[in-house]
Protein backbone atom coordinates (compact mmCIF):
# COMPACT_ATOMS: atom_id res chain seq x y z
CA UNK A 1 -31.48 -45.20 -70.22
CA UNK A 2 -33.86 -48.08 -69.75
CA UNK A 3 -34.72 -49.56 -73.13
CA UNK A 4 -37.65 -51.39 -71.59
CA UNK A 5 -40.61 -49.92 -69.81
CA UNK A 6 -39.82 -50.20 -66.14
CA UNK A 7 -41.74 -47.19 -64.86
CA UNK A 8 -45.33 -46.15 -65.19
CA UNK A 9 -44.60 -42.88 -67.03
CA UNK A 10 -44.42 -43.24 -70.79
CA UNK A 11 -41.34 -41.97 -72.60
CA UNK A 12 -41.28 -41.38 -76.33
CA UNK A 13 -38.36 -41.99 -78.63
CA UNK A 14 -38.03 -39.15 -81.11
CA UNK A 15 -37.15 -39.97 -84.67
CA UNK A 16 -34.66 -37.86 -86.59
CA UNK A 17 -37.39 -36.32 -88.75
CA UNK A 18 -38.56 -34.15 -85.84
CA UNK A 19 -35.07 -32.80 -85.22
CA UNK A 20 -34.42 -32.18 -88.89
CA UNK A 21 -37.76 -30.36 -89.15
CA UNK A 22 -36.58 -28.00 -86.41
CA UNK A 23 -33.36 -27.31 -88.29
CA UNK A 24 -34.97 -26.60 -91.65
CA UNK A 25 -36.29 -23.20 -92.62
CA UNK A 26 -39.58 -24.66 -93.78
CA UNK A 27 -40.91 -28.14 -93.04
CA UNK A 28 -44.45 -29.42 -92.62
CA UNK A 29 -43.45 -31.14 -89.35
CA UNK A 30 -41.90 -28.00 -87.84
CA UNK A 31 -45.05 -26.74 -86.01
CA UNK A 32 -45.67 -30.19 -84.53
CA UNK A 33 -42.01 -30.63 -83.61
CA UNK A 34 -42.04 -27.22 -81.92
CA UNK A 35 -45.10 -28.21 -79.88
CA UNK A 36 -43.54 -31.52 -78.84
CA UNK A 37 -40.18 -30.01 -77.87
CA UNK A 38 -41.90 -27.17 -75.98
CA UNK A 39 -44.05 -29.65 -74.04
CA UNK A 40 -40.93 -31.68 -73.24
CA UNK A 41 -39.10 -28.60 -71.96
CA UNK A 42 -42.09 -27.87 -69.70
CA UNK A 43 -42.05 -31.44 -68.39
CA UNK A 44 -45.44 -32.33 -69.90
CA UNK A 45 -44.03 -35.19 -71.95
CA UNK A 46 -40.83 -37.21 -71.54
CA UNK A 47 -38.81 -37.68 -74.71
CA UNK A 48 -35.45 -39.12 -75.60
CA UNK A 49 -33.46 -40.03 -78.66
CA UNK A 50 -30.21 -41.78 -79.40
CA UNK A 51 -26.82 -41.04 -80.82
CA UNK A 52 -28.19 -42.50 -84.08
CA UNK A 53 -30.31 -39.36 -84.45
CA UNK A 54 -27.23 -37.15 -84.24
CA UNK A 55 -25.57 -39.38 -86.81
CA UNK A 56 -28.58 -39.03 -89.11
CA UNK A 57 -28.44 -35.25 -88.71
CA UNK A 58 -24.81 -35.38 -89.85
CA UNK A 59 -25.82 -37.42 -92.90
CA UNK A 60 -28.65 -35.02 -93.68
CA UNK A 61 -26.43 -31.93 -93.28
CA UNK A 62 -23.85 -33.45 -95.60
CA UNK A 63 -26.49 -34.38 -98.17
CA UNK A 64 -28.04 -30.92 -98.31
CA UNK A 65 -24.60 -29.32 -98.24
CA UNK A 66 -25.00 -27.34 -95.04
CA UNK A 67 -22.08 -25.01 -94.45
CA UNK A 68 -19.48 -26.81 -92.35
CA UNK A 69 -19.57 -24.15 -89.64
CA UNK A 70 -23.28 -24.78 -89.09
CA UNK A 71 -23.11 -28.58 -88.76
CA UNK A 72 -21.64 -28.44 -85.25
CA UNK A 73 -24.31 -25.95 -84.20
CA UNK A 74 -27.03 -28.22 -85.60
CA UNK A 75 -25.77 -31.08 -83.45
CA UNK A 76 -25.69 -28.85 -80.36
CA UNK A 77 -29.24 -27.64 -81.00
CA UNK A 78 -30.49 -31.20 -81.51
CA UNK A 79 -28.85 -32.44 -78.31
CA UNK A 80 -30.36 -29.55 -76.31
CA UNK A 81 -33.89 -30.31 -77.53
CA UNK A 82 -34.11 -33.47 -75.40
CA UNK A 83 -33.05 -34.32 -71.90
CA UNK A 84 -31.47 -37.63 -72.87
CA UNK A 85 -29.43 -38.77 -75.87
CA UNK A 86 -28.99 -42.49 -75.30
CA UNK A 87 -25.73 -44.13 -76.31
CA UNK A 88 -25.70 -47.17 -78.53
CA UNK A 89 -24.04 -50.40 -77.54
CA UNK A 90 -23.14 -53.67 -79.15
CA UNK A 91 -26.47 -55.21 -78.10
CA UNK A 92 -28.34 -52.41 -79.90
CA UNK A 93 -26.47 -53.23 -83.08
CA UNK A 94 -27.31 -56.92 -82.71
CA UNK A 95 -31.01 -56.03 -82.34
CA UNK A 96 -30.73 -53.73 -85.39
CA UNK A 97 -29.15 -56.58 -87.36
CA UNK A 98 -32.09 -58.80 -86.41
CA UNK A 99 -34.51 -56.15 -87.69
CA UNK A 100 -32.52 -55.99 -90.94
CA UNK A 101 -32.88 -59.75 -91.33
CA UNK A 102 -36.65 -59.65 -90.89
CA UNK A 103 -37.65 -56.61 -92.96
CA UNK A 104 -36.22 -54.62 -95.89
CA UNK A 105 -35.40 -51.41 -94.00
CA UNK A 106 -32.53 -48.93 -93.96
CA UNK A 107 -29.82 -49.62 -91.40
CA UNK A 108 -30.42 -46.31 -89.59
CA UNK A 109 -34.11 -47.12 -89.22
CA UNK A 110 -33.18 -50.48 -87.70
CA UNK A 111 -30.77 -48.75 -85.32
CA UNK A 112 -33.44 -46.25 -84.27
CA UNK A 113 -35.85 -49.13 -83.67
CA UNK A 114 -33.29 -50.90 -81.50
CA UNK A 115 -32.51 -47.71 -79.58
CA UNK A 116 -36.20 -47.12 -78.86
CA UNK A 117 -36.51 -50.50 -77.21
CA UNK A 118 -40.11 -50.98 -76.10
CA UNK A 119 -40.93 -47.26 -75.96
CA UNK A 120 -43.26 -45.70 -78.56
CA UNK A 121 -41.58 -43.87 -81.43
CA UNK A 122 -42.71 -40.41 -82.49
CA UNK A 123 -41.98 -40.36 -86.21
CA UNK A 124 -43.67 -39.69 -89.51
CA UNK A 125 -41.92 -42.77 -90.94
CA UNK A 126 -44.21 -45.81 -90.97
CA UNK A 127 -41.24 -48.19 -91.25
CA UNK A 128 -41.36 -48.76 -87.48
CA UNK A 129 -44.84 -50.29 -87.74
CA UNK A 130 -43.46 -52.85 -90.21
CA UNK A 131 -40.95 -53.77 -87.51
CA UNK A 132 -43.78 -54.39 -85.06
CA UNK A 133 -43.12 -51.27 -82.97
CA UNK A 134 -45.58 -48.70 -81.74
CA UNK A 135 -45.26 -45.59 -83.89
CA UNK A 136 -47.15 -42.40 -83.13
CA UNK A 137 -47.77 -39.82 -85.84
CA UNK A 138 -46.14 -36.57 -84.60
CA UNK A 139 -48.79 -34.24 -86.07
CA UNK A 140 -51.61 -36.05 -84.26
CA UNK A 141 -49.55 -36.29 -81.07
CA UNK A 142 -48.83 -32.54 -81.17
CA UNK A 143 -52.50 -31.76 -81.81
CA UNK A 144 -53.45 -33.86 -78.77
CA UNK A 145 -50.81 -32.07 -76.68
CA UNK A 146 -52.26 -28.71 -77.72
CA UNK A 147 -55.75 -29.83 -76.67
CA UNK A 148 -54.42 -30.90 -73.27
CA UNK A 149 -52.65 -27.56 -72.84
CA UNK A 150 -55.78 -25.55 -73.66
């Protein structure tokens, strides 16, 4: 996975909030997440995420005390929602450490930022703007996708 823009098509890094919204029974982001994932499946938008997202899903599932049998299924569902789950390497962790030195952010947010590289991040979390990255609000993005599909 190229972490820098080397092609003309834009890819979007998906934050964990969109995946978690899909896994919850009720979440305000769920309709937007559904639109984005449906458009991705139809090839209308290219999305990817990283192994950090799957890690964050594990943390979330543990926090909300999801039944152990369901955690594995949650990870499978999340991985199937995108065509590419990028691995993380040592260099990504170095970049994340640099983000942590410049801004007071959570380590997972810094890792997501490093994994996104120069691609825009679809997330409801404004922390990525503080890191100087391009963040796109998922609800607005989904609304724009709907308009294009109509």
